[in-house]
Amino acid sequence: MRYISTRGNEKELTAAGAIIAGIADDGGLFVPNHIPVLENNFIESLINLSYQNRAKKILAEFLTDYTEAEVSACVERAYGNQKFDIDLIAPVVNLSEDTNVLELWHGPTSAFKDMALQLLPQLMSTALKKTGEKAEIIILVATSGDTGKAALEGFKDVDQIRIMVFYPQEGVSQMQRLQMVSQKGNNVSVIAVHGNFDDAQTGVKNIFNDEEFNKNLNEAGFQLSSANSINWGRLVPQIVYYFSAYADLVKENKLKMGDKVNFVVPTGNFGNILAGYYAKQMGLPINKLICASNDNNVLYDFFKTGVYDKNRTLKLTTSPSMDILISSNLERLLFEISNRNTDIVNKLLSDLSDKGVYKISDDMEKNLASFYGEYSNEEEVKSTINNVFKNYNYLIDTHTAVAYNCYEKYKKETSDNTKTVIVSTASPFKFSEDVLKSIDCDFKDLDDFAIIDRLSSISKIDIPKPIKNLKNAEILHKDIYEKDELKLAIKKFLKV
C-alpha cells in the first residue's frame, strides 16, 4: 500500500515515509491509495483476541512496508507495560438495552488521544530506522487540549525526535493546562498562544507550508512533522477501536455477527469520526456515524446543508476539545466523497481560504449518507451529565455528554433503535469542575483539587493517577507567544 496526497501531488510514499513527513509537499493530507476491504470472517477472527492482537491485525492492512515483527513491537510498546489502567485498553460499558459506552480514556493522560499517541511515536521511531532518515524530526502540535498532553507523553525522550506543543492560553481546561505545562522530558517544549485553537492550528499549518523556513531548518539538520490527526500515523490506530468495540459487543452477545451498529462521536478536528468512516469502508457493519458537535456547530450545519462556513465567532464551551471551526480532517472526507477528485478538493479548500465558506455538490452530499449531524448546547450538556449519573450511576465528562445528548435527539428524530455506541473521549476528572457543577450545585470556594476530591467522593470513583499526580507537579513551561510568533518559538527551541 502506498500513500497519496488529497491535493493531487503525484508523489507516492510508503506508510513509513508518510508517517515521517506528516503532511504532503503540496499541503495535502496523506491517504492510502486504496481502502482495504476485509473478508467476511475477519471481524469474527477478532472476537477472542486481546486489544493488542486486534490492533496488530488491522494495522497490518495499512502498514504493509512494516514487517509483522515491527508492527507487533510497536503495539506492545504502546499498549503494554501497564500504560493503561485496564487490561481491556478500550472497554465497552453497557448502559441500557440499546446504549453502550466505549471508554477510550484509560491511558496515561486520561483522554482518547492516548489510543493513537502512544502508538504514533513507536511507528515514527521505527520508520526513521527503516528509512535511514538522519534528520532530527521536530513534531509540531496545535492542541485544543487533549492532543497536546498525549503527544508530549508519547514522544518524551524518544531518540531523534523533539516535540513542540502550542495551545490557546484561554482555550483549555485547568487540568489540561496543568498536564501540559508540567510535562517532563529533555526533548519537549510547551508554548501558550494568545488566541484560540484555530489561531494555533493555522499558525502551525502556515509553518508547514513555508518553503523557505522549512529549507532553512533542513539545512540545519531538522525536518518538521506532525502528531495532530493530519498525520496518518495518528489516524490509523483510531480505526482499531471501532472494530474492537464491535467484536466486544458480539462476544458479550449484545450483537449478532453482521448486525449493524451506530457510533456517536463527539467531534472537533474530525479525525476520530473519520476513523469510524474508514472502518465502515473496510466492511465494519456501521449504520450511522452520528457527528456530535457543541455550540461550535459548523459540522452540524455542514451535514444538514452541504455548506461549510467558518465565518462565525468561536465559542468557548465546557467541552474545549471541540471548540474548533476548521476541522482539518474533513479534507480527507472531501477527497473520498468527491470520488478522490483532487481538483474538487483544491477548489473547496481554496474557497474556504478565500471566503471562509464552501458548498459541496449534490452528488457529494449523497455520499454523506453514512453520517448524521447533531449538536448540544451548554445547558443540555449539564443536564445530560446529571441525568446519566442519576439514571445509571455512571459519570461522564462534558464531551461524552455532548455525544449522549446528540444521540437522544437522534433517536427522537429518527426512531432508530439500532444498537449504539457512545464514544467516550475523556475521563470526567479532566473536566471536574463542570462535571461537579452538573451533579452537585451546592459546592463553592473549592480549589481545583478539592473539586476533584469531592467529585470522587460523590461518584465513588477513584481519581485517575494522571490527574491525582498533578497536585504537586512543578510548572516547567511558562512561555507565551503571539499567534504570529510561532516561528520565533521554534527558532529559540532549536537554537537556529
Protein backbone atom coordinates (compact mmCIF):
# COMPACT_ATOMS: atom_id res chain seq x y z
CA MET A 1 0.00 0.00 0.00
CA ARG A 2 1.19 3.48 -0.90
CA TYR A 3 0.10 6.89 0.34
CA ILE A 4 -1.03 9.82 -1.81
CA SER A 5 -1.98 13.45 -1.19
CA THR A 6 -5.57 14.70 -1.04
CA ARG A 7 -4.44 17.64 -3.18
CA GLY A 8 -3.02 15.83 -6.19
CA ASN A 9 0.73 15.64 -5.68
CA GLU A 10 1.64 12.56 -7.72
CA LYS A 11 4.43 11.52 -5.36
CA GLU A 12 3.56 8.25 -3.60
CA LEU A 13 5.12 7.30 -0.26
CA THR A 14 5.29 4.18 1.85
CA ALA A 15 3.48 4.22 5.19
CA ALA A 16 6.80 4.89 6.93
CA GLY A 17 7.54 7.82 4.60
CA ALA A 18 4.07 9.30 5.09
CA ILE A 19 4.28 8.98 8.88
CA ILE A 20 7.66 10.75 8.98
CA ALA A 21 6.51 13.54 6.65
CA GLY A 22 3.20 14.07 8.43
CA ILE A 23 1.85 16.28 5.65
CA ALA A 24 2.34 16.14 1.87
CA ASP A 25 4.59 18.56 -0.02
CA ASP A 26 1.55 20.28 -1.54
CA GLY A 27 -0.03 20.85 1.88
CA GLY A 28 -2.45 17.94 1.42
CA LEU A 29 -3.09 15.09 3.80
CA PHE A 30 -1.87 11.57 3.15
CA VAL A 31 -4.45 8.88 2.43
CA PRO A 32 -3.96 5.23 1.41
CA ASN A 33 -4.15 4.66 -2.35
CA HIS A 34 -6.96 2.22 -1.64
CA ILE A 35 -9.06 1.21 1.37
CA PRO A 36 -8.65 -2.49 2.14
CA VAL A 37 -11.95 -4.37 2.11
CA LEU A 38 -11.83 -7.18 4.63
CA GLU A 39 -13.08 -10.75 4.30
CA ASN A 40 -16.39 -11.58 5.99
CA ASN A 41 -14.70 -13.71 8.63
CA PHE A 42 -12.13 -11.03 9.57
CA ILE A 43 -14.26 -9.45 12.31
CA GLU A 44 -15.16 -12.89 13.65
CA SER A 45 -11.43 -13.63 13.93
CA LEU A 46 -11.04 -10.65 16.30
CA ILE A 47 -13.58 -11.72 18.90
CA ASN A 48 -11.36 -13.76 21.21
CA LEU A 49 -8.21 -11.66 20.72
CA SER A 50 -6.77 -9.07 23.10
CA TYR A 51 -6.92 -5.42 22.10
CA GLN A 52 -3.23 -5.59 21.23
CA ASN A 53 -3.70 -8.52 18.85
CA ARG A 54 -6.73 -6.92 17.25
CA ALA A 55 -4.60 -3.82 16.65
CA LYS A 56 -1.83 -5.85 15.03
CA LYS A 57 -4.23 -7.41 12.52
CA ILE A 58 -5.88 -4.13 11.49
CA LEU A 59 -2.67 -2.10 11.36
CA ALA A 60 -1.07 -4.73 9.14
CA GLU A 61 -3.67 -3.91 6.47
CA PHE A 62 -2.32 -0.34 6.19
CA LEU A 63 1.35 -0.59 7.23
CA THR A 64 2.38 -3.04 4.53
CA ASP A 65 6.01 -1.86 4.48
CA TYR A 66 6.40 -2.68 8.19
CA THR A 67 7.24 -6.28 8.99
CA GLU A 68 4.94 -8.32 11.21
CA ALA A 69 7.60 -8.16 13.94
CA GLU A 70 7.87 -4.36 13.64
CA VAL A 71 4.10 -3.85 13.93
CA SER A 72 3.96 -6.25 16.86
CA ALA A 73 6.78 -4.49 18.70
CA CYS A 74 5.20 -1.05 18.16
CA VAL A 75 1.85 -2.26 19.50
CA GLU A 76 3.34 -3.97 22.54
CA ARG A 77 5.34 -0.86 23.48
CA ALA A 78 2.26 1.35 23.03
CA TYR A 79 -0.34 -0.72 24.84
CA GLY A 80 1.76 -2.87 27.14
CA ASN A 81 3.75 -2.29 30.34
CA GLN A 82 0.60 -1.27 32.22
CA LYS A 83 0.46 2.11 30.49
CA PHE A 84 -3.33 1.75 30.54
CA ASP A 85 -5.19 1.29 33.83
CA ILE A 86 -7.33 -1.57 32.49
CA ASP A 87 -6.27 -4.72 30.63
CA LEU A 88 -9.06 -4.34 28.06
CA ILE A 89 -7.48 -0.99 26.97
CA ALA A 90 -10.78 0.25 25.43
CA PRO A 91 -13.68 -1.39 27.31
CA VAL A 92 -17.33 -1.20 26.23
CA VAL A 93 -19.75 -0.47 29.10
CA ASN A 94 -23.43 -1.37 28.69
CA LEU A 95 -25.85 1.30 29.99
CA SER A 96 -29.16 0.10 28.57
CA GLU A 97 -30.57 -2.31 26.01
CA ASP A 98 -29.63 -0.10 23.07
CA THR A 99 -26.87 2.10 24.52
CA ASN A 100 -23.22 1.29 25.19
CA VAL A 101 -20.23 3.47 26.03
CA LEU A 102 -16.77 2.91 24.54
CA GLU A 103 -14.30 4.19 27.15
CA LEU A 104 -11.20 5.50 25.42
CA TRP A 105 -9.65 7.31 28.39
CA HIS A 106 -7.80 4.63 30.35
CA GLY A 107 -4.35 5.68 29.12
CA PRO A 108 -1.58 7.77 30.73
CA THR A 109 -3.28 11.15 30.11
CA SER A 110 -6.91 10.08 30.72
CA ALA A 111 -8.06 11.03 27.21
CA PHE A 112 -8.80 9.18 23.97
CA LYS A 113 -5.77 10.72 22.26
CA ASP A 114 -3.63 8.17 24.13
CA MET A 115 -5.08 5.45 21.91
CA ALA A 116 -3.17 6.90 18.96
CA LEU A 117 -0.42 8.92 20.60
CA GLN A 118 1.07 6.02 22.50
CA LEU A 119 1.44 4.23 19.15
CA LEU A 120 2.45 7.04 16.77
CA PRO A 121 5.88 7.63 18.40
CA GLN A 122 6.63 3.93 18.08
CA LEU A 123 5.58 3.90 14.42
CA MET A 124 7.63 7.02 13.72
CA SER A 125 10.73 5.84 15.56
CA THR A 126 10.57 2.54 13.65
CA ALA A 127 10.03 4.45 10.39
CA LEU A 128 13.19 6.52 10.98
CA LYS A 129 15.23 3.34 11.37
CA LYS A 130 13.58 1.70 8.34
CA THR A 131 14.19 4.64 6.02
CA GLY A 132 17.64 5.59 7.30
CA GLU A 133 16.47 9.16 7.88
CA LYS A 134 19.29 11.14 9.53
CA ALA A 135 17.48 14.44 10.19
CA GLU A 136 16.16 15.21 13.65
CA ILE A 137 12.35 15.20 13.44
CA ILE A 138 10.57 18.18 15.00
CA ILE A 139 6.95 17.41 15.86
CA LEU A 140 4.70 20.48 15.82
CA VAL A 141 1.33 20.14 17.52
CA ALA A 142 -1.53 22.59 17.82
CA THR A 143 -3.92 21.43 20.53
CA SER A 144 -7.34 22.29 21.87
CA GLY A 145 -6.42 20.36 25.00
CA ASP A 146 -6.00 16.59 24.98
CA THR A 147 -3.77 16.06 21.92
CA GLY A 148 -1.01 18.19 23.44
CA LYS A 149 -0.51 16.23 26.63
CA ALA A 150 -0.98 12.87 24.93
CA ALA A 151 1.62 13.76 22.28
CA LEU A 152 4.06 15.08 24.89
CA GLU A 153 3.70 11.90 26.93
CA GLY A 154 4.11 9.68 23.88
CA PHE A 155 7.15 11.45 22.41
CA LYS A 156 9.04 12.43 25.56
CA ASP A 157 12.69 11.36 25.37
CA VAL A 158 12.22 9.44 22.10
CA ASP A 159 15.52 9.38 20.19
CA GLN A 160 15.90 11.62 17.12
CA ILE A 161 12.60 13.40 17.78
CA ARG A 162 11.72 16.67 19.51
CA ILE A 163 8.19 17.93 20.12
CA MET A 164 6.67 21.42 20.42
CA VAL A 165 3.06 21.89 21.54
CA PHE A 166 1.11 25.12 21.01
CA TYR A 167 -2.12 25.62 22.97
CA PRO A 168 -4.57 28.57 23.24
CA GLN A 169 -3.85 30.28 26.54
CA GLU A 170 -7.52 30.70 27.46
CA GLY A 171 -8.95 27.77 25.49
CA VAL A 172 -8.14 24.66 27.55
CA SER A 173 -9.33 23.42 30.93
CA GLN A 174 -7.19 23.99 34.01
CA MET A 175 -6.42 20.27 34.23
CA GLN A 176 -5.41 20.14 30.56
CA ARG A 177 -3.13 23.16 31.04
CA LEU A 178 -1.53 21.70 34.16
CA GLN A 179 -0.90 18.41 32.41
CA MET A 180 0.97 20.18 29.60
CA VAL A 181 2.97 22.82 31.48
CA SER A 182 4.28 20.24 33.98
CA GLN A 183 5.49 17.87 31.25
CA LYS A 184 8.96 16.44 31.81
CA GLY A 185 11.32 15.36 29.04
CA ASN A 186 14.56 16.62 27.54
CA ASN A 187 13.04 16.99 24.07
CA VAL A 188 9.76 18.80 24.82
CA SER A 189 8.55 22.41 24.62
CA VAL A 190 5.10 23.76 25.52
CA ILE A 191 4.00 27.21 24.31
CA ALA A 192 0.85 29.16 25.20
CA VAL A 193 -0.55 31.21 22.31
CA HIS A 194 -2.53 34.44 22.58
CA GLY A 195 -5.60 33.41 20.55
CA ASN A 196 -7.90 30.43 20.08
CA PHE A 197 -7.24 26.90 18.82
CA ASP A 198 -7.86 27.83 15.19
CA ASP A 199 -5.17 30.55 15.51
CA ALA A 200 -2.70 27.96 16.84
CA GLN A 201 -3.66 25.38 14.20
CA THR A 202 -3.46 27.91 11.35
CA GLY A 203 -0.06 29.09 12.61
CA VAL A 204 1.29 25.53 12.61
CA LYS A 205 -0.15 24.80 9.15
CA ASN A 206 1.43 28.00 7.78
CA ILE A 207 4.81 26.90 9.10
CA PHE A 208 4.48 23.51 7.37
CA ASN A 209 3.69 25.36 4.12
CA ASP A 210 6.53 27.91 4.43
CA GLU A 211 9.06 26.54 1.94
CA GLU A 212 11.89 28.92 2.87
CA PHE A 213 11.56 28.29 6.60
CA ASN A 214 11.49 24.52 6.02
CA LYS A 215 14.53 24.75 3.74
CA ASN A 216 16.47 26.62 6.42
CA LEU A 217 15.52 24.02 9.02
CA ASN A 218 16.51 21.17 6.69
CA GLU A 219 19.92 22.75 6.14
CA ALA A 220 20.33 22.83 9.93
CA GLY A 221 19.51 19.10 10.13
CA PHE A 222 15.84 19.30 11.12
CA GLN A 223 12.64 18.07 9.45
CA LEU A 224 9.16 19.10 10.55
CA SER A 225 6.40 16.58 11.11
CA SER A 226 3.06 16.44 12.89
CA ALA A 227 1.38 14.46 15.66
CA ASN A 228 -2.01 16.03 15.02
CA SER A 229 -4.56 13.81 13.32
CA ILE A 230 -3.42 15.26 9.99
CA ASN A 231 -0.66 12.62 10.35
CA TRP A 232 -1.87 9.26 9.01
CA GLY A 233 0.08 7.55 11.79
CA ARG A 234 -2.23 9.28 14.26
CA LEU A 235 -5.40 8.33 12.46
CA VAL A 236 -4.80 4.66 11.62
CA PRO A 237 -4.64 3.48 15.29
CA GLN A 238 -8.09 5.00 15.81
CA ILE A 239 -9.65 2.66 13.26
CA VAL A 240 -8.79 -0.21 15.59
CA TYR A 241 -11.15 0.65 18.44
CA TYR A 242 -14.23 0.69 16.19
CA PHE A 243 -13.53 -2.91 15.22
CA SER A 244 -12.64 -3.78 18.80
CA ALA A 245 -15.89 -2.33 20.16
CA TYR A 246 -17.92 -4.31 17.63
CA ALA A 247 -16.03 -7.52 18.44
CA ASP A 248 -16.68 -6.98 22.17
CA LEU A 249 -20.42 -6.45 21.59
CA VAL A 250 -20.60 -9.70 19.64
CA LYS A 251 -18.54 -11.50 22.27
CA GLU A 252 -20.93 -10.32 25.01
CA ASN A 253 -24.00 -11.33 22.94
CA LYS A 254 -25.15 -7.72 22.63
CA LEU A 255 -24.95 -8.10 18.83
CA LYS A 256 -25.10 -10.91 16.33
CA MET A 257 -22.31 -11.02 13.80
CA GLY A 258 -23.35 -8.88 10.85
CA ASP A 259 -25.85 -6.75 12.80
CA LYS A 260 -25.44 -3.03 12.22
CA VAL A 261 -24.40 -0.58 14.92
CA ASN A 262 -24.35 3.22 15.30
CA PHE A 263 -21.42 5.19 16.70
CA VAL A 264 -21.92 8.63 18.24
CA VAL A 265 -18.68 10.62 18.22
CA PRO A 266 -18.03 13.99 19.92
CA THR A 267 -16.22 15.77 17.12
CA GLY A 268 -13.79 18.64 16.76
CA ASN A 269 -10.99 18.15 14.24
CA PHE A 270 -12.87 15.23 12.61
CA GLY A 271 -10.14 12.60 12.98
CA ASN A 272 -11.97 10.37 15.47
CA ILE A 273 -15.19 10.04 13.48
CA LEU A 274 -13.24 9.77 10.21
CA ALA A 275 -11.55 6.64 11.59
CA GLY A 276 -15.06 5.22 12.01
CA TYR A 277 -15.83 6.08 8.38
CA TYR A 278 -12.72 4.19 7.22
CA ALA A 279 -13.76 1.24 9.40
CA LYS A 280 -17.13 1.21 7.63
CA GLN A 281 -15.43 1.39 4.21
CA MET A 282 -13.39 -1.66 5.25
CA GLY A 283 -16.56 -3.64 5.95
CA LEU A 284 -17.47 -2.97 9.59
CA PRO A 285 -21.32 -3.08 9.74
CA ILE A 286 -21.91 0.54 10.75
CA ASN A 287 -25.36 2.00 10.19
CA LYS A 288 -24.82 5.67 11.12
CA LEU A 289 -21.89 7.76 12.29
CA ILE A 290 -23.54 10.46 14.38
CA CYS A 291 -21.34 13.55 14.39
CA ALA A 292 -21.91 15.30 17.72
CA SER A 293 -20.98 18.99 17.97
CA ASN A 294 -21.17 21.52 20.79
CA ASP A 295 -22.22 25.17 20.32
CA ASN A 296 -19.48 25.47 17.68
CA ASN A 297 -21.77 23.61 15.31
CA VAL A 298 -20.04 24.18 11.97
CA LEU A 299 -20.09 20.43 11.27
CA TYR A 300 -23.78 20.14 12.16
CA ASP A 301 -24.53 22.82 9.56
CA PHE A 302 -22.31 21.05 7.03
CA PHE A 303 -24.14 17.73 7.34
CA LYS A 304 -27.54 19.43 7.23
CA THR A 305 -26.88 21.79 4.30
CA GLY A 306 -23.69 20.77 2.47
CA VAL A 307 -22.26 24.19 3.32
CA TYR A 308 -19.13 24.53 5.47
CA ASP A 309 -18.96 28.05 6.87
CA LYS A 310 -16.30 29.03 9.39
CA ASN A 311 -17.40 32.68 9.34
CA ARG A 312 -18.68 32.74 12.88
CA THR A 313 -17.38 33.53 16.34
CA LEU A 314 -15.67 30.69 18.15
CA LYS A 315 -17.45 29.99 21.44
CA LEU A 316 -15.54 28.79 24.48
CA THR A 317 -17.52 25.91 25.98
CA THR A 318 -17.24 23.32 28.73
CA SER A 319 -16.12 20.83 26.02
CA PRO A 320 -12.98 22.71 24.87
CA SER A 321 -11.51 19.90 22.77
CA MET A 322 -14.41 20.51 20.38
CA ASP A 323 -14.06 24.30 20.26
CA ILE A 324 -12.91 24.26 16.64
CA LEU A 325 -14.17 25.98 13.48
CA ILE A 326 -11.70 24.49 10.97
CA SER A 327 -11.90 20.69 11.09
CA SER A 328 -8.68 19.65 9.35
CA ASN A 329 -9.57 16.01 8.75
CA LEU A 330 -12.68 16.93 6.82
CA GLU A 331 -10.30 17.34 3.88
CA ARG A 332 -9.86 13.56 3.78
CA LEU A 333 -13.63 13.08 3.73
CA LEU A 334 -13.99 15.61 0.89
CA PHE A 335 -11.43 13.55 -1.02
CA GLU A 336 -13.46 10.37 -0.51
CA ILE A 337 -16.96 11.76 -1.20
CA SER A 338 -15.73 13.50 -4.37
CA ASN A 339 -14.58 10.06 -5.56
CA ARG A 340 -10.97 11.10 -4.93
CA ASN A 341 -11.14 14.11 -7.25
CA THR A 342 -8.26 16.35 -6.18
CA ASP A 343 -9.41 19.22 -8.42
CA ILE A 344 -12.65 19.40 -6.46
CA VAL A 345 -10.79 19.20 -3.12
CA ASN A 346 -8.45 22.03 -4.10
CA LYS A 347 -11.34 24.22 -5.25
CA LEU A 348 -13.27 23.72 -2.00
CA LEU A 349 -10.21 24.39 0.14
CA SER A 350 -9.41 27.48 -1.91
CA ASP A 351 -12.96 28.75 -1.28
CA LEU A 352 -12.51 28.08 2.45
CA SER A 353 -9.24 30.01 2.48
CA ASP A 354 -10.51 32.93 0.39
CA LYS A 355 -14.11 33.25 1.59
CA GLY A 356 -14.28 31.13 4.73
CA VAL A 357 -17.04 29.03 3.19
CA TYR A 358 -17.64 26.34 0.59
CA LYS A 359 -20.58 24.27 -0.66
CA ILE A 360 -20.28 20.69 -1.84
CA SER A 361 -22.20 19.33 -4.85
CA ASP A 362 -25.44 17.33 -4.67
CA ASP A 363 -23.52 14.19 -5.66
CA MET A 364 -21.07 14.71 -2.79
CA GLU A 365 -23.95 15.26 -0.37
CA LYS A 366 -25.42 11.90 -1.42
CA ASN A 367 -22.10 10.30 -0.44
CA LEU A 368 -22.58 11.58 3.12
CA ALA A 369 -25.38 9.10 3.77
CA SER A 370 -23.30 7.35 6.46
CA PHE A 371 -23.33 10.50 8.61
CA TYR A 372 -25.89 12.30 10.73
CA GLY A 373 -25.12 15.69 12.29
CA GLU A 374 -26.45 16.92 15.62
CA TYR A 375 -25.35 19.36 18.32
CA SER A 376 -25.89 20.15 22.01
CA ASN A 377 -25.86 23.45 23.85
CA GLU A 378 -24.28 24.12 27.24
CA GLU A 379 -27.45 23.69 29.27
CA GLU A 380 -28.15 20.36 27.58
CA VAL A 381 -24.63 19.16 28.36
CA LYS A 382 -25.09 19.99 32.03
CA SER A 383 -28.47 18.29 32.32
CA THR A 384 -27.23 15.22 30.42
CA ILE A 385 -24.35 14.65 32.87
CA ASN A 386 -26.87 14.90 35.72
CA ASN A 387 -29.42 12.58 34.10
CA VAL A 388 -26.92 9.88 33.15
CA PHE A 389 -25.48 9.92 36.67
CA LYS A 390 -28.92 9.71 38.29
CA ASN A 391 -30.35 7.09 35.94
CA TYR A 392 -27.33 4.82 35.53
CA ASN A 393 -24.96 5.79 38.35
CA TYR A 394 -22.46 6.44 35.54
CA LEU A 395 -20.32 9.56 35.37
CA ILE A 396 -19.45 11.13 32.00
CA ASP A 397 -17.35 14.13 31.03
CA THR A 398 -18.61 17.14 29.10
CA HIS A 399 -17.55 15.86 25.65
CA THR A 400 -19.21 12.50 26.21
CA ALA A 401 -22.31 14.38 27.39
CA VAL A 402 -22.43 16.22 24.06
CA ALA A 403 -22.44 12.85 22.30
CA TYR A 404 -25.02 11.31 24.62
CA ASN A 405 -27.43 14.23 24.26
CA CYS A 406 -26.98 14.24 20.48
CA TYR A 407 -27.86 10.54 20.46
CA GLU A 408 -31.04 11.24 22.45
CA LYS A 409 -32.03 13.85 19.86
CA TYR A 410 -31.17 11.48 17.01
CA LYS A 411 -33.38 8.73 18.46
CA LYS A 412 -36.27 11.13 18.95
CA GLU A 413 -35.92 12.44 15.40
CA THR A 414 -35.45 9.10 13.62
CA SER A 415 -36.94 6.43 15.93
CA ASP A 416 -33.86 4.36 15.05
CA ASN A 417 -33.39 1.56 17.60
CA THR A 418 -30.12 0.25 16.17
CA LYS A 419 -27.66 -0.75 18.90
CA THR A 420 -25.49 2.28 19.54
CA VAL A 421 -22.04 3.01 20.96
CA ILE A 422 -21.33 6.39 22.55
CA VAL A 423 -17.64 7.15 22.06
CA SER A 424 -16.38 8.50 25.40
CA THR A 425 -13.29 10.59 24.89
CA ALA A 426 -12.15 11.76 28.33
CA SER A 427 -12.28 10.92 32.00
CA PRO A 428 -14.81 13.08 33.87
CA PHE A 429 -11.96 14.10 36.18
CA LYS A 430 -10.27 16.05 33.35
CA PHE A 431 -13.24 18.43 33.41
CA SER A 432 -14.06 18.02 37.07
CA GLU A 433 -15.45 21.48 37.84
CA ASP A 434 -18.04 21.42 35.08
CA VAL A 435 -18.94 17.79 35.81
CA LEU A 436 -19.30 18.53 39.53
CA LYS A 437 -21.46 21.59 38.82
CA SER A 438 -23.75 19.31 36.86
CA ILE A 439 -24.35 16.83 39.69
CA ASP A 440 -23.76 18.94 42.82
CA CYS A 441 -24.94 22.56 42.84
CA ASP A 442 -24.01 23.21 46.48
CA PHE A 443 -20.25 23.46 46.23
CA LYS A 444 -18.39 26.77 46.13
CA ASP A 445 -14.99 28.19 47.00
CA LEU A 446 -13.17 24.93 46.30
CA ASP A 447 -9.83 24.85 44.52
CA ASP A 448 -9.26 22.53 41.54
CA PHE A 449 -8.02 19.61 43.60
CA ALA A 450 -10.69 19.94 46.28
CA ILE A 451 -13.21 19.78 43.43
CA ILE A 452 -11.62 16.56 42.18
CA ASP A 453 -11.72 15.08 45.69
CA ARG A 454 -15.39 15.98 46.04
CA LEU A 455 -16.24 14.53 42.65
CA SER A 456 -14.52 11.30 43.64
CA SER A 457 -16.39 11.20 46.94
CA ILE A 458 -19.82 11.75 45.37
CA SER A 459 -19.30 9.38 42.44
CA LYS A 460 -17.39 6.77 44.46
CA ILE A 461 -14.83 6.61 41.63
CA ASP A 462 -11.08 6.67 42.25
CA ILE A 463 -9.23 9.67 40.85
CA PRO A 464 -7.08 8.59 37.87
CA LYS A 465 -3.37 8.69 38.72
CA PRO A 466 -2.51 11.10 35.86
CA ILE A 467 -4.91 13.63 37.41
CA LYS A 468 -4.08 12.92 41.05
CA ASN A 469 -0.34 13.36 40.48
CA LEU A 470 -0.82 16.89 39.12
CA LYS A 471 -1.40 18.29 42.59
CA ASN A 472 2.31 18.53 43.36
CA ALA A 473 3.60 18.82 39.79
CA GLU A 474 6.18 21.52 39.06
CA ILE A 475 5.36 24.11 36.37
CA LEU A 476 8.16 23.73 33.80
CA HIS A 477 6.83 25.60 30.73
CA LYS A 478 5.87 29.28 31.04
CA ASP A 479 6.43 30.78 27.57
CA ILE A 480 3.62 32.74 25.87
CA TYR A 481 3.80 33.93 22.24
CA GLU A 482 1.56 35.89 19.90
CA LYS A 483 -0.16 33.82 17.21
CA ASP A 484 2.18 35.23 14.50
CA GLU A 485 5.35 34.49 16.51
CA LEU A 486 5.40 30.70 16.36
CA LYS A 487 8.49 30.67 14.13
CA LEU A 488 10.36 32.62 16.80
CA ALA A 489 9.42 30.00 19.38
CA ILE A 490 10.70 27.22 17.10
CA LYS A 491 13.98 29.02 16.39
CA LYS A 492 14.54 29.56 20.11
CA PHE A 493 13.80 25.91 20.96
CA LEU A 494 16.09 24.59 18.21
CA LYS A 495 18.73 27.31 18.69
CA VAL A 496 18.87 28.14 14.97
